[in-house]
Amino acid sequence: MEELVEQLLFLARGDNDTQPVKPSLFDLSALAGEVLRGYASLRAETDVMRCKLCALLLPTYKLSGDEEAFVRLHDTMRGLLPVVKAPQSRALLLVTLYGCTDNALYRRMAHELVDPWQVDPSPKKSKLSLIHRLGDYDRWLGHESVDS
């Protein structure tokens, strides 16, 4: 439990820009394994926490090549979409689904939720993170020129 708290504090410092960043090469499969060991068995009690957990695990399953777990979680996330009403949680699900599947419907729905936030002069960090993440996925998946 202490290690989990330390990891969460580390992430919080990164979110607050108080953790210095030192780029380096690393083993992505080892990172995926670490994420799965730490989070795959967690059960969230609220829709917001379920969305955050799903958004963490789906890319991890994709990167680790665990197709069965990926499909299972993908189906779970699709089932969550109609019941999640909080806009940021819904956007987190849609952006993650789009980034992991390159599905045009998820892309359109994610942009419908996230694009209006771009006109906000000072969006919350969580919204700004989703704006950047969606833009990154568009670039990585080759959709940047379509919207520019």
Protein backbone atom coordinates (compact mmCIF):
# COMPACT_ATOMS: atom_id res chain seq x y z
CA MET A 1 0.00 0.00 0.00
CA GLU A 2 2.86 2.35 0.85
CA GLU A 3 4.36 1.81 -2.62
CA LEU A 4 1.01 2.63 -4.26
CA VAL A 5 0.77 5.87 -2.26
CA GLU A 6 4.32 6.79 -3.30
CA GLN A 7 3.45 6.12 -6.96
CA LEU A 8 0.30 8.25 -6.71
CA LEU A 9 2.29 11.07 -5.11
CA PHE A 10 4.85 10.80 -7.90
CA LEU A 11 2.05 11.11 -10.49
CA ALA A 12 0.54 14.07 -8.62
CA ARG A 13 3.91 15.86 -8.62
CA GLY A 14 4.08 15.28 -12.36
CA ASP A 15 0.59 16.71 -12.80
CA ASN A 16 1.59 19.78 -10.78
CA ASP A 17 4.81 20.26 -12.79
CA THR A 18 6.90 19.84 -9.63
CA GLN A 19 8.56 16.58 -10.72
CA PRO A 20 11.60 17.14 -12.96
CA VAL A 21 11.40 15.21 -16.23
CA LYS A 22 14.50 13.41 -17.50
CA PRO A 23 13.72 11.71 -20.83
CA SER A 24 15.37 8.33 -21.32
CA LEU A 25 14.84 5.09 -23.19
CA PHE A 26 12.94 2.36 -21.37
CA ASP A 27 11.36 -1.05 -21.92
CA LEU A 28 7.70 -0.45 -22.77
CA SER A 29 6.71 -4.06 -22.11
CA ALA A 30 8.21 -3.85 -18.61
CA LEU A 31 6.22 -0.68 -17.97
CA ALA A 32 3.03 -2.37 -19.21
CA GLY A 33 3.70 -5.30 -16.90
CA GLU A 34 4.22 -2.98 -13.95
CA VAL A 35 0.95 -1.16 -14.66
CA LEU A 36 -0.92 -4.45 -14.94
CA ARG A 37 0.57 -5.77 -11.69
CA GLY A 38 -0.38 -2.59 -9.87
CA TYR A 39 -3.80 -1.84 -11.28
CA ALA A 40 -5.42 -4.74 -13.17
CA SER A 41 -6.94 -6.26 -10.04
CA LEU A 42 -8.36 -2.99 -8.68
CA ARG A 43 -12.12 -2.53 -8.60
CA ALA A 44 -13.52 1.00 -8.74
CA GLU A 45 -16.68 1.95 -6.89
CA THR A 46 -17.72 5.02 -8.92
CA ASP A 47 -18.16 5.67 -12.63
CA VAL A 48 -15.46 8.34 -12.52
CA MET A 49 -12.92 5.95 -11.00
CA ARG A 50 -13.99 3.14 -13.35
CA CYS A 51 -13.35 5.45 -16.30
CA LYS A 52 -9.90 6.38 -15.01
CA LEU A 53 -8.99 2.76 -14.40
CA CYS A 54 -10.25 1.68 -17.83
CA ALA A 55 -8.33 4.53 -19.48
CA LEU A 56 -5.16 3.32 -17.79
CA LEU A 57 -5.62 -0.37 -18.54
CA LEU A 58 -6.90 -0.39 -22.15
CA PRO A 59 -3.69 1.07 -23.67
CA THR A 60 -1.67 -1.22 -21.41
CA TYR A 61 -3.45 -4.31 -22.73
CA LYS A 62 -2.95 -3.00 -26.27
CA LEU A 63 0.78 -2.46 -25.72
CA SER A 64 1.25 -5.79 -23.97
CA GLY A 65 -0.50 -7.67 -26.78
CA ASP A 66 -3.10 -9.25 -24.49
CA GLU A 67 -5.86 -9.29 -27.10
CA GLU A 68 -8.34 -11.22 -24.94
CA ALA A 69 -8.09 -8.76 -22.04
CA PHE A 70 -8.17 -5.85 -24.49
CA VAL A 71 -11.42 -7.05 -26.10
CA ARG A 72 -12.99 -7.74 -22.71
CA LEU A 73 -12.14 -4.27 -21.40
CA HIS A 74 -13.11 -2.62 -24.69
CA ASP A 75 -16.55 -4.22 -24.43
CA THR A 76 -16.82 -3.07 -20.81
CA MET A 77 -15.94 0.49 -21.81
CA ARG A 78 -18.52 0.45 -24.61
CA GLY A 79 -21.08 -0.61 -22.02
CA LEU A 80 -20.06 2.24 -19.72
CA LEU A 81 -20.47 4.94 -22.36
CA PRO A 82 -24.27 5.21 -22.19
CA VAL A 83 -24.33 5.44 -18.39
CA VAL A 84 -21.42 7.83 -17.78
CA LYS A 85 -22.84 11.35 -17.65
CA ALA A 86 -19.84 13.32 -16.34
CA PRO A 87 -18.43 15.03 -19.46
CA GLN A 88 -14.75 14.62 -18.54
CA SER A 89 -15.14 10.96 -17.64
CA ARG A 90 -17.06 10.35 -20.85
CA ALA A 91 -14.38 12.22 -22.83
CA LEU A 92 -11.65 10.16 -21.14
CA LEU A 93 -13.38 6.95 -22.23
CA LEU A 94 -13.90 8.18 -25.79
CA VAL A 95 -10.38 9.56 -26.23
CA THR A 96 -8.91 6.31 -24.91
CA LEU A 97 -11.15 4.14 -27.09
CA TYR A 98 -10.26 6.23 -30.13
CA GLY A 99 -6.53 6.12 -29.39
CA CYS A 100 -6.56 2.36 -28.93
CA THR A 101 -8.83 1.45 -31.87
CA ASP A 102 -8.60 4.28 -34.43
CA ASN A 103 -12.38 3.99 -34.71
CA ALA A 104 -13.99 6.89 -36.62
CA LEU A 105 -17.10 6.94 -34.41
CA TYR A 106 -15.05 7.20 -31.19
CA ARG A 107 -12.96 9.91 -32.84
CA ARG A 108 -16.01 11.95 -33.82
CA MET A 109 -17.63 11.58 -30.40
CA ALA A 110 -14.38 12.48 -28.61
CA HIS A 111 -13.96 15.60 -30.74
CA GLU A 112 -17.58 16.61 -30.11
CA LEU A 113 -16.88 16.61 -26.36
CA VAL A 114 -13.31 17.89 -26.27
CA ASP A 115 -13.16 20.48 -29.08
CA PRO A 116 -15.41 23.04 -27.28
CA TRP A 117 -12.95 23.03 -24.36
CA GLN A 118 -10.25 24.47 -26.63
CA VAL A 119 -11.88 27.92 -26.61
CA ASP A 120 -11.75 28.08 -22.80
CA PRO A 121 -8.98 30.58 -21.95
CA SER A 122 -7.87 28.58 -18.90
CA PRO A 123 -9.18 25.00 -18.94
CA LYS A 124 -8.63 22.74 -15.95
CA LYS A 125 -5.54 20.55 -16.16
CA SER A 126 -7.63 17.43 -16.70
CA LYS A 127 -9.39 19.03 -19.67
CA LEU A 128 -6.11 20.34 -21.05
CA SER A 129 -4.64 16.86 -20.76
CA LEU A 130 -7.52 15.40 -22.77
CA ILE A 131 -7.19 18.16 -25.41
CA HIS A 132 -3.49 17.32 -25.82
CA ARG A 133 -4.07 13.58 -25.77
CA LEU A 134 -6.74 13.77 -28.46
CA GLY A 135 -4.45 15.93 -30.61
CA ASP A 136 -1.60 13.46 -30.11
CA TYR A 137 -3.81 10.54 -31.17
CA ASP A 138 -4.92 12.47 -34.26
CA ARG A 139 -1.28 13.04 -35.23
CA TRP A 140 -0.13 9.49 -34.43
CA LEU A 141 -3.05 7.94 -36.27
CA GLY A 142 -2.64 10.19 -39.31
CA HIS A 143 -5.78 12.31 -38.92
CA GLU A 144 -4.06 15.63 -38.33
CA SER A 145 -4.23 16.82 -41.94
CA VAL A 146 -7.97 16.07 -42.09
CA ASP A 147 -8.74 18.64 -39.38
CA SER A 148 -6.05 21.26 -39.99
